[in-house]
Amino acid sequence: MKKSAVEHEARREGRSVGGLLERITTEWLTARRRLTGSDAAQARLHRVAAKAFGTLAGGDPDRSTTGRAAVRRRLTARRGR
């Protein structure tokens, strides 16, 4: 779509180009959420991810640099591999 078409539509609706783009974006996001059930899906993903939230315990001052390996070890132990 050309910029001139967007400007023409904004004038026709009595809006600024930014106002028109905001309306279009809001309508698109609302329709997308309705089609995908995005809010429910996000809530479900958050519940699943929350099981992994937490902190690594220990007295290792270098844990920030060795965190990846520690997380992998904990996940492997939890999965029994």
Protein backbone atom coordinates (compact mmCIF):
# COMPACT_ATOMS: atom_id res chain seq x y z
CA MET A 1 0.00 0.00 0.00
CA LYS A 2 1.29 3.41 -0.85
CA LYS A 3 1.79 6.15 1.68
CA SER A 4 -0.51 8.43 -0.31
CA ALA A 5 -3.37 5.90 0.06
CA VAL A 6 -2.87 5.86 3.84
CA GLU A 7 -2.81 9.66 3.94
CA HIS A 8 -5.99 9.83 1.81
CA GLU A 9 -7.82 7.38 4.11
CA ALA A 10 -6.69 9.29 7.20
CA ARG A 11 -8.08 12.53 5.73
CA ARG A 12 -11.30 10.77 4.77
CA GLU A 13 -11.76 9.58 8.38
CA GLY A 14 -10.71 12.92 9.83
CA ARG A 15 -7.71 11.39 11.59
CA SER A 16 -3.98 11.81 11.55
CA VAL A 17 -1.94 9.11 9.82
CA GLY A 18 -0.73 7.98 13.27
CA GLY A 19 -4.31 7.82 14.54
CA LEU A 20 -5.37 5.76 11.54
CA LEU A 21 -2.45 3.36 11.97
CA GLU A 22 -3.23 3.00 15.67
CA ARG A 23 -6.87 2.13 14.90
CA ILE A 24 -5.84 -0.38 12.23
CA THR A 25 -3.28 -1.97 14.54
CA THR A 26 -5.73 -2.23 17.44
CA GLU A 27 -8.37 -3.84 15.23
CA TRP A 28 -5.84 -6.30 13.79
CA LEU A 29 -4.54 -7.32 17.23
CA THR A 30 -8.06 -7.73 18.59
CA ALA A 31 -9.06 -9.94 15.65
CA ARG A 32 -5.86 -11.98 15.94
CA ARG A 33 -6.41 -12.62 19.64
CA ARG A 34 -9.98 -13.67 18.96
CA LEU A 35 -8.85 -16.13 16.28
CA THR A 36 -5.92 -17.64 18.18
CA GLY A 37 -7.14 -17.46 21.74
CA SER A 38 -3.87 -15.68 22.42
CA ASP A 39 -4.69 -14.66 25.99
CA ALA A 40 -5.57 -18.21 27.00
CA ALA A 41 -2.52 -19.60 25.20
CA GLN A 42 -0.24 -17.08 26.93
CA ALA A 43 -1.72 -17.94 30.32
CA ARG A 44 -1.16 -21.66 29.66
CA LEU A 45 2.44 -21.06 28.56
CA HIS A 46 3.07 -18.93 31.63
CA ARG A 47 1.77 -21.68 33.92
CA VAL A 48 4.05 -24.24 32.26
CA ALA A 49 7.07 -21.93 32.36
CA ALA A 50 6.41 -20.99 35.99
CA LYS A 51 7.41 -24.51 37.01
CA ALA A 52 10.95 -23.68 35.92
CA PHE A 53 11.10 -20.26 37.65
CA GLY A 54 13.35 -19.92 40.65
CA THR A 55 16.91 -19.41 41.64
CA LEU A 56 20.00 -21.52 41.82
CA ALA A 57 21.08 -22.11 45.39
CA GLY A 58 24.67 -22.39 46.42
CA GLY A 59 27.67 -20.48 47.57
CA ASP A 60 29.41 -20.32 44.20
CA PRO A 61 30.50 -16.72 43.53
CA ASP A 62 31.01 -17.64 39.85
CA ARG A 63 27.47 -18.98 39.43
CA SER A 64 26.52 -16.18 37.03
CA THR A 65 29.18 -17.41 34.62
CA THR A 66 28.44 -21.10 35.17
CA GLY A 67 24.64 -20.78 35.29
CA ARG A 68 23.99 -22.42 31.94
CA ALA A 69 25.77 -25.60 32.94
CA ALA A 70 24.04 -25.64 36.34
CA VAL A 71 20.60 -25.27 34.76
CA ARG A 72 21.36 -28.06 32.29
CA ARG A 73 22.52 -30.35 35.11
CA ARG A 74 19.34 -29.67 37.11
CA LEU A 75 17.08 -30.26 34.11
CA THR A 76 18.90 -33.48 33.23
CA ALA A 77 18.57 -34.72 36.80
CA ARG A 78 14.90 -33.80 36.88
CA ARG A 79 14.23 -35.67 33.64
CA GLY A 80 16.19 -38.69 34.86
CA ARG A 81 18.59 -38.80 31.94
